[in-house]
Each structure stands twice: as C-alpha cells, then as structure tokens.
Amino acid sequence: MKERNIWIMVLLTVVTAGFYLLFWNAMFQGQLKEQTKKGFGPIVHLLMLVFTFGIYAIYWQYAAGSRLAEIGAKDRSVLYLALCFIWMSWLNPFLMQNQANNIHKA
C-alpha cells in the first residue's frame, strides 16, 4: 500500500471540492486488489461508484475495511459502515489511509 500524507489528502480534497477523493478511491481500490486479489480494478470501481449513485460506495467501505484487515490492519469495517449511516462517511478515506500508512510502516 502506498503511504500518503493525511494532511495533504485533506488539502487536496478541499482544493478540488472533493474530486480528489474519487481519484483516491480508484487508486486505493487498485492497491487493495493487488494485495488481496479481491474486488474490481480501479476503472470499474470508479464506474461502479458513479453508476450506482453511491450505493456501491457503502458496500465498498465495509469491504475495504475487511480487506485492510486481511493484509494486517485492525478490522474497522463495521466502523466504516456505521459512519456511512450517520452521514460521516467523508472520514473513511482518511481513516483507511491511516491504516494503510500504519501497515506500510510495520
């Protein structure tokens, strides 16, 4: 998993009005697919996010938490899912990247 600075992610998200998170989603899913051999590739993942009007995004955030656990992180998939249902899912990319950074350091 590629290590990214969380504060740079926040800055890019604000400057691009959230479009950076679409890019991040695709790249992160691509890295998860390389590590776990599960899920779609980055392009199909991005298309699924757009064409299901975000419904796939809810499932993906849970699945990404499980996949992160498979490669050595703590399983926070239920937390990611819960944040989706209380309108706080915008935090999930930063939490997921933090987990990926911790795996990279270990």
C-alpha atoms as a PDB file:
ATOM      1  CA  MET A   1       0.000   0.000   0.000  1.00  0.00           C
ATOM      2  CA  LYS A   2       1.266   3.437  -0.882  1.00  0.00           C
ATOM      3  CA  GLU A   3       1.897   5.751   2.027  1.00  0.00           C
ATOM      4  CA  ARG A   4       0.185   9.139   1.728  1.00  0.00           C
ATOM      5  CA  ASN A   5       0.254  12.188   3.988  1.00  0.00           C
ATOM      6  CA  ILE A   6      -3.214  12.608   5.541  1.00  0.00           C
ATOM      7  CA  TRP A   7      -2.929  16.405   5.714  1.00  0.00           C
ATOM      8  CA  ILE A   8      -2.063  16.602   2.007  1.00  0.00           C
ATOM      9  CA  MET A   9      -5.131  14.452   1.335  1.00  0.00           C
ATOM     10  CA  VAL A  10      -7.299  16.878   3.328  1.00  0.00           C
ATOM     11  CA  LEU A  11      -5.819  19.858   1.475  1.00  0.00           C
ATOM     12  CA  LEU A  12      -6.317  18.251  -1.947  1.00  0.00           C
ATOM     13  CA  THR A  13      -9.871  17.284  -1.032  1.00  0.00           C
ATOM     14  CA  VAL A  14     -10.720  20.870  -0.086  1.00  0.00           C
ATOM     15  CA  VAL A  15      -8.930  22.448  -3.075  1.00  0.00           C
ATOM     16  CA  THR A  16     -10.566  20.075  -5.595  1.00  0.00           C
ATOM     17  CA  ALA A  17     -14.012  20.261  -3.933  1.00  0.00           C
ATOM     18  CA  GLY A  18     -13.934  16.533  -3.187  1.00  0.00           C
ATOM     19  CA  PHE A  19     -12.863  15.255  -6.606  1.00  0.00           C
ATOM     20  CA  TYR A  20      -9.530  14.128  -5.176  1.00  0.00           C
ATOM     21  CA  LEU A  21     -11.406  11.516  -3.138  1.00  0.00           C
ATOM     22  CA  LEU A  22     -12.736   9.920  -6.342  1.00  0.00           C
ATOM     23  CA  PHE A  23      -9.165   9.626  -7.596  1.00  0.00           C
ATOM     24  CA  TRP A  24      -8.028   8.336  -4.198  1.00  0.00           C
ATOM     25  CA  ASN A  25     -10.860   5.774  -4.148  1.00  0.00           C
ATOM     26  CA  ALA A  26      -9.832   4.337  -7.502  1.00  0.00           C
ATOM     27  CA  MET A  27      -6.128   4.206  -6.642  1.00  0.00           C
ATOM     28  CA  PHE A  28      -6.732   2.744  -3.177  1.00  0.00           C
ATOM     29  CA  GLN A  29      -9.006   0.041  -4.590  1.00  0.00           C
ATOM     30  CA  GLY A  30      -6.351  -0.787  -7.175  1.00  0.00           C
ATOM     31  CA  GLN A  31      -3.795  -1.233  -4.412  1.00  0.00           C
ATOM     32  CA  LEU A  32      -6.213  -3.342  -2.362  1.00  0.00           C
ATOM     33  CA  LYS A  33      -6.863  -5.529  -5.411  1.00  0.00           C
ATOM     34  CA  GLU A  34      -3.121  -6.048  -5.889  1.00  0.00           C
ATOM     35  CA  GLN A  35      -2.725  -7.065  -2.249  1.00  0.00           C
ATOM     36  CA  THR A  36      -5.850  -9.202  -1.735  1.00  0.00           C
ATOM     37  CA  LYS A  37      -6.885 -10.216  -5.285  1.00  0.00           C
ATOM     38  CA  LYS A  38     -10.473  -9.200  -4.392  1.00  0.00           C
ATOM     39  CA  GLY A  39     -12.798  -6.622  -5.892  1.00  0.00           C
ATOM     40  CA  PHE A  40     -12.793  -4.625  -9.098  1.00  0.00           C
ATOM     41  CA  GLY A  41      -9.908  -2.860 -10.760  1.00  0.00           C
ATOM     42  CA  PRO A  42      -9.656   0.931 -10.380  1.00  0.00           C
ATOM     43  CA  ILE A  43     -11.594   1.886 -13.537  1.00  0.00           C
ATOM     44  CA  VAL A  44     -14.513  -0.488 -12.965  1.00  0.00           C
ATOM     45  CA  HIS A  45     -14.534   0.521  -9.289  1.00  0.00           C
ATOM     46  CA  LEU A  46     -14.875   4.184 -10.254  1.00  0.00           C
ATOM     47  CA  LEU A  47     -17.644   3.384 -12.732  1.00  0.00           C
ATOM     48  CA  MET A  48     -19.496   1.393 -10.062  1.00  0.00           C
ATOM     49  CA  LEU A  49     -19.275   4.328  -7.661  1.00  0.00           C
ATOM     50  CA  VAL A  50     -20.768   6.667 -10.251  1.00  0.00           C
ATOM     51  CA  PHE A  51     -23.413   4.447 -11.849  1.00  0.00           C
ATOM     52  CA  THR A  52     -24.867   3.057  -8.614  1.00  0.00           C
ATOM     53  CA  PHE A  53     -25.282   6.593  -7.247  1.00  0.00           C
ATOM     54  CA  GLY A  54     -23.173   5.791  -4.200  1.00  0.00           C
ATOM     55  CA  ILE A  55     -24.874   2.576  -3.111  1.00  0.00           C
ATOM     56  CA  TYR A  56     -21.800   0.578  -4.095  1.00  0.00           C
ATOM     57  CA  ALA A  57     -19.713   3.047  -2.061  1.00  0.00           C
ATOM     58  CA  ILE A  58     -21.433   1.940   1.141  1.00  0.00           C
ATOM     59  CA  TYR A  59     -20.659  -1.715   0.427  1.00  0.00           C
ATOM     60  CA  TRP A  60     -17.110  -0.890  -0.684  1.00  0.00           C
ATOM     61  CA  GLN A  61     -16.244   0.952   2.506  1.00  0.00           C
ATOM     62  CA  TYR A  62     -17.207  -2.115   4.550  1.00  0.00           C
ATOM     63  CA  ALA A  63     -15.357  -4.432   2.147  1.00  0.00           C
ATOM     64  CA  ALA A  64     -12.270  -2.210   2.130  1.00  0.00           C
ATOM     65  CA  GLY A  65     -12.142  -2.393   5.918  1.00  0.00           C
ATOM     66  CA  SER A  66     -12.243  -6.192   5.721  1.00  0.00           C
ATOM     67  CA  ARG A  67      -9.549  -6.253   3.037  1.00  0.00           C
ATOM     68  CA  LEU A  68      -7.316  -3.972   5.091  1.00  0.00           C
ATOM     69  CA  ALA A  69      -7.714  -6.450   7.958  1.00  0.00           C
ATOM     70  CA  GLU A  70      -6.599  -9.259   5.638  1.00  0.00           C
ATOM     71  CA  ILE A  71      -3.296  -7.508   4.987  1.00  0.00           C
ATOM     72  CA  GLY A  72      -2.526  -6.735   8.612  1.00  0.00           C
ATOM     73  CA  ALA A  73      -4.630  -3.811   9.816  1.00  0.00           C
ATOM     74  CA  LYS A  74      -7.213  -3.844  12.571  1.00  0.00           C
ATOM     75  CA  ASP A  75     -10.691  -4.733  11.241  1.00  0.00           C
ATOM     76  CA  ARG A  76     -12.658  -1.494  11.263  1.00  0.00           C
ATOM     77  CA  SER A  77     -15.159  -2.476   8.591  1.00  0.00           C
ATOM     78  CA  VAL A  78     -18.149  -2.064  10.924  1.00  0.00           C
ATOM     79  CA  LEU A  79     -16.941   1.413  11.907  1.00  0.00           C
ATOM     80  CA  TYR A  80     -16.687   2.400   8.237  1.00  0.00           C
ATOM     81  CA  LEU A  81     -20.203   1.104   7.625  1.00  0.00           C
ATOM     82  CA  ALA A  82     -21.590   2.882  10.694  1.00  0.00           C
ATOM     83  CA  LEU A  83     -20.030   6.169   9.586  1.00  0.00           C
ATOM     84  CA  CYS A  84     -21.858   5.800   6.274  1.00  0.00           C
ATOM     85  CA  PHE A  85     -25.201   5.654   8.017  1.00  0.00           C
ATOM     86  CA  ILE A  86     -24.628   8.722  10.184  1.00  0.00           C
ATOM     87  CA  TRP A  87     -23.509  10.905   7.268  1.00  0.00           C
ATOM     88  CA  MET A  88     -19.848  10.845   8.293  1.00  0.00           C
ATOM     89  CA  SER A  89     -18.508   8.629   5.515  1.00  0.00           C
ATOM     90  CA  TRP A  90     -16.294  11.502   4.357  1.00  0.00           C
ATOM     91  CA  LEU A  91     -13.970  10.488   7.239  1.00  0.00           C
ATOM     92  CA  ASN A  92     -13.477   6.939   5.962  1.00  0.00           C
ATOM     93  CA  PRO A  93     -10.838   7.651   3.281  1.00  0.00           C
ATOM     94  CA  PHE A  94      -8.638   9.373   5.842  1.00  0.00           C
ATOM     95  CA  LEU A  95      -9.100   6.566   8.383  1.00  0.00           C
ATOM     96  CA  MET A  96      -8.407   3.913   5.721  1.00  0.00           C
ATOM     97  CA  GLN A  97      -5.307   5.713   4.520  1.00  0.00           C
ATOM     98  CA  ASN A  98      -4.094   5.991   8.110  1.00  0.00           C
ATOM     99  CA  GLN A  99      -4.454   2.219   8.460  1.00  0.00           C
ATOM    100  CA  ALA A 100      -2.617   1.696   5.166  1.00  0.00           C
ATOM    101  CA  ASN A 101       0.162   4.027   6.334  1.00  0.00           C
ATOM    102  CA  ASN A 102       0.494   2.018   9.561  1.00  0.00           C
ATOM    103  CA  ILE A 103       0.748  -1.235   7.574  1.00  0.00           C
ATOM    104  CA  HIS A 104       3.405   0.358   5.355  1.00  0.00           C
ATOM    105  CA  LYS A 105       5.441   1.422   8.412  1.00  0.00           C
ATOM    106  CA  ALA A 106       5.262  -2.021  10.012  1.00  0.00           C
END
